Amino acid sequence: MQTIFVQVKCELGKSYDVAGQAVETVTQVSEVHSISGNWDLMLKCYLEDNQDIGHFVCEKIQKIPGIKDTFTIITFKAFS
């Protein structure tokens, strides 16, 4: 299992709609956080080891209505 974070910039007034759509329709999205700064949302996603990250982001995340831009962060190791 691989973990990625996708920062999302939304169209004005669409952040809550995008967040709801992401958690309801994309099974790989485990959490959506509203954040400050240059991005509106951060999505935490769990992908299968063999799943193509670029294809997932393009086909599942960027097609959600109300998304203007994305920035993907690939993780290596989680510490606890």
C-alpha atoms as a PDB file:
ATOM      1  CA  MET A   1       0.000   0.000   0.000  1.00  0.00           C
ATOM      2  CA  GLN A   2       1.339   3.448  -0.900  1.00  0.00           C
ATOM      3  CA  THR A   3       0.223   6.741   0.608  1.00  0.00           C
ATOM      4  CA  ILE A   4       0.037   9.990  -1.340  1.00  0.00           C
ATOM      5  CA  PHE A   5      -1.230  13.441  -0.457  1.00  0.00           C
ATOM      6  CA  VAL A   6      -2.890  15.575  -3.113  1.00  0.00           C
ATOM      7  CA  GLN A   7      -3.187  19.297  -2.511  1.00  0.00           C
ATOM      8  CA  VAL A   8      -6.141  20.774  -4.358  1.00  0.00           C
ATOM      9  CA  LYS A   9      -6.956  24.292  -5.535  1.00  0.00           C
ATOM     10  CA  CYS A  10     -10.698  24.723  -6.037  1.00  0.00           C
ATOM     11  CA  GLU A  11     -12.858  27.123  -7.965  1.00  0.00           C
ATOM     12  CA  LEU A  12     -14.132  29.910  -5.717  1.00  0.00           C
ATOM     13  CA  GLY A  13     -16.915  28.708  -3.447  1.00  0.00           C
ATOM     14  CA  LYS A  14     -16.467  25.024  -4.359  1.00  0.00           C
ATOM     15  CA  SER A  15     -14.170  23.694  -1.607  1.00  0.00           C
ATOM     16  CA  TYR A  16     -16.907  22.001   0.424  1.00  0.00           C
ATOM     17  CA  ASP A  17     -18.472  20.482  -2.698  1.00  0.00           C
ATOM     18  CA  VAL A  18     -15.099  19.119  -3.828  1.00  0.00           C
ATOM     19  CA  ALA A  19     -14.327  17.725  -0.365  1.00  0.00           C
ATOM     20  CA  GLY A  20     -17.684  15.947  -0.210  1.00  0.00           C
ATOM     21  CA  GLN A  21     -17.322  14.524  -3.706  1.00  0.00           C
ATOM     22  CA  ALA A  22     -13.797  13.278  -2.991  1.00  0.00           C
ATOM     23  CA  VAL A  23     -14.689  11.314   0.144  1.00  0.00           C
ATOM     24  CA  GLU A  24     -17.980  10.021  -1.254  1.00  0.00           C
ATOM     25  CA  THR A  25     -16.892   8.930  -4.739  1.00  0.00           C
ATOM     26  CA  VAL A  26     -13.174   8.061  -4.622  1.00  0.00           C
ATOM     27  CA  THR A  27     -12.621   4.980  -2.474  1.00  0.00           C
ATOM     28  CA  GLN A  28      -8.857   5.592  -2.232  1.00  0.00           C
ATOM     29  CA  VAL A  29      -9.409   8.937  -0.462  1.00  0.00           C
ATOM     30  CA  SER A  30      -9.286   8.325   3.295  1.00  0.00           C
ATOM     31  CA  GLU A  31      -9.299  11.920   4.566  1.00  0.00           C
ATOM     32  CA  VAL A  32      -9.858  15.428   3.238  1.00  0.00           C
ATOM     33  CA  HIS A  33      -8.547  18.407   5.187  1.00  0.00           C
ATOM     34  CA  SER A  34      -9.301  22.074   4.610  1.00  0.00           C
ATOM     35  CA  ILE A  35      -5.946  23.886   4.701  1.00  0.00           C
ATOM     36  CA  SER A  36      -4.558  27.414   4.577  1.00  0.00           C
ATOM     37  CA  GLY A  37      -2.053  28.809   2.134  1.00  0.00           C
ATOM     38  CA  ASN A  38      -1.883  28.391  -1.617  1.00  0.00           C
ATOM     39  CA  TRP A  39      -4.089  25.268  -1.654  1.00  0.00           C
ATOM     40  CA  ASP A  40      -7.639  24.779  -0.390  1.00  0.00           C
ATOM     41  CA  LEU A  41      -7.728  21.067   0.433  1.00  0.00           C
ATOM     42  CA  MET A  42      -5.355  18.206   1.169  1.00  0.00           C
ATOM     43  CA  LEU A  43      -6.475  14.671   0.310  1.00  0.00           C
ATOM     44  CA  LYS A  44      -4.855  11.646   1.918  1.00  0.00           C
ATOM     45  CA  CYS A  45      -5.040   8.688  -0.454  1.00  0.00           C
ATOM     46  CA  TYR A  46      -4.084   5.038  -0.117  1.00  0.00           C
ATOM     47  CA  LEU A  47      -3.223   3.296  -3.390  1.00  0.00           C
ATOM     48  CA  GLU A  48      -2.335  -0.295  -4.143  1.00  0.00           C
ATOM     49  CA  ASP A  49       1.413  -0.806  -4.657  1.00  0.00           C
ATOM     50  CA  ASN A  50       0.978  -1.440  -8.372  1.00  0.00           C
ATOM     51  CA  GLN A  51      -1.465   1.438  -8.996  1.00  0.00           C
ATOM     52  CA  ASP A  52      -0.130   4.211 -11.252  1.00  0.00           C
ATOM     53  CA  ILE A  53      -0.142   7.474  -9.271  1.00  0.00           C
ATOM     54  CA  GLY A  54      -0.318   9.770 -12.287  1.00  0.00           C
ATOM     55  CA  HIS A  55      -3.219   7.889 -13.809  1.00  0.00           C
ATOM     56  CA  PHE A  56      -5.065   7.875 -10.461  1.00  0.00           C
ATOM     57  CA  VAL A  57      -4.665  11.640  -9.988  1.00  0.00           C
ATOM     58  CA  CYS A  58      -5.648  12.446 -13.591  1.00  0.00           C
ATOM     59  CA  GLU A  59      -8.601  10.067 -13.823  1.00  0.00           C
ATOM     60  CA  LYS A  60     -10.020  10.083 -10.277  1.00  0.00           C
ATOM     61  CA  ILE A  61      -9.039  13.360  -8.604  1.00  0.00           C
ATOM     62  CA  GLN A  62      -8.684  15.983 -11.341  1.00  0.00           C
ATOM     63  CA  LYS A  63     -12.043  15.043 -12.865  1.00  0.00           C
ATOM     64  CA  ILE A  64     -13.960  16.025  -9.719  1.00  0.00           C
ATOM     65  CA  PRO A  65     -16.052  19.086 -10.635  1.00  0.00           C
ATOM     66  CA  GLY A  66     -14.750  22.303  -9.057  1.00  0.00           C
ATOM     67  CA  ILE A  67     -11.039  21.402  -9.044  1.00  0.00           C
ATOM     68  CA  LYS A  68      -8.740  23.924 -10.741  1.00  0.00           C
ATOM     69  CA  ASP A  69      -5.288  22.486  -9.944  1.00  0.00           C
ATOM     70  CA  THR A  70      -3.520  19.736  -8.001  1.00  0.00           C
ATOM     71  CA  PHE A  71      -0.101  19.130  -6.473  1.00  0.00           C
ATOM     72  CA  THR A  72       0.803  15.550  -5.566  1.00  0.00           C
ATOM     73  CA  ILE A  73       3.139  14.578  -2.733  1.00  0.00           C
ATOM     74  CA  ILE A  74       4.505  11.030  -2.808  1.00  0.00           C
ATOM     75  CA  THR A  75       5.461   9.583   0.572  1.00  0.00           C
ATOM     76  CA  PHE A  76       8.258   7.139   1.364  1.00  0.00           C
ATOM     77  CA  LYS A  77       7.828   6.053   4.995  1.00  0.00           C
ATOM     78  CA  ALA A  78       5.464   6.794   7.857  1.00  0.00           C
ATOM     79  CA  PHE A  79       6.891   7.174  11.364  1.00  0.00           C
ATOM     80  CA  SER A  80       4.934   6.704  14.586  1.00  0.00           C
END
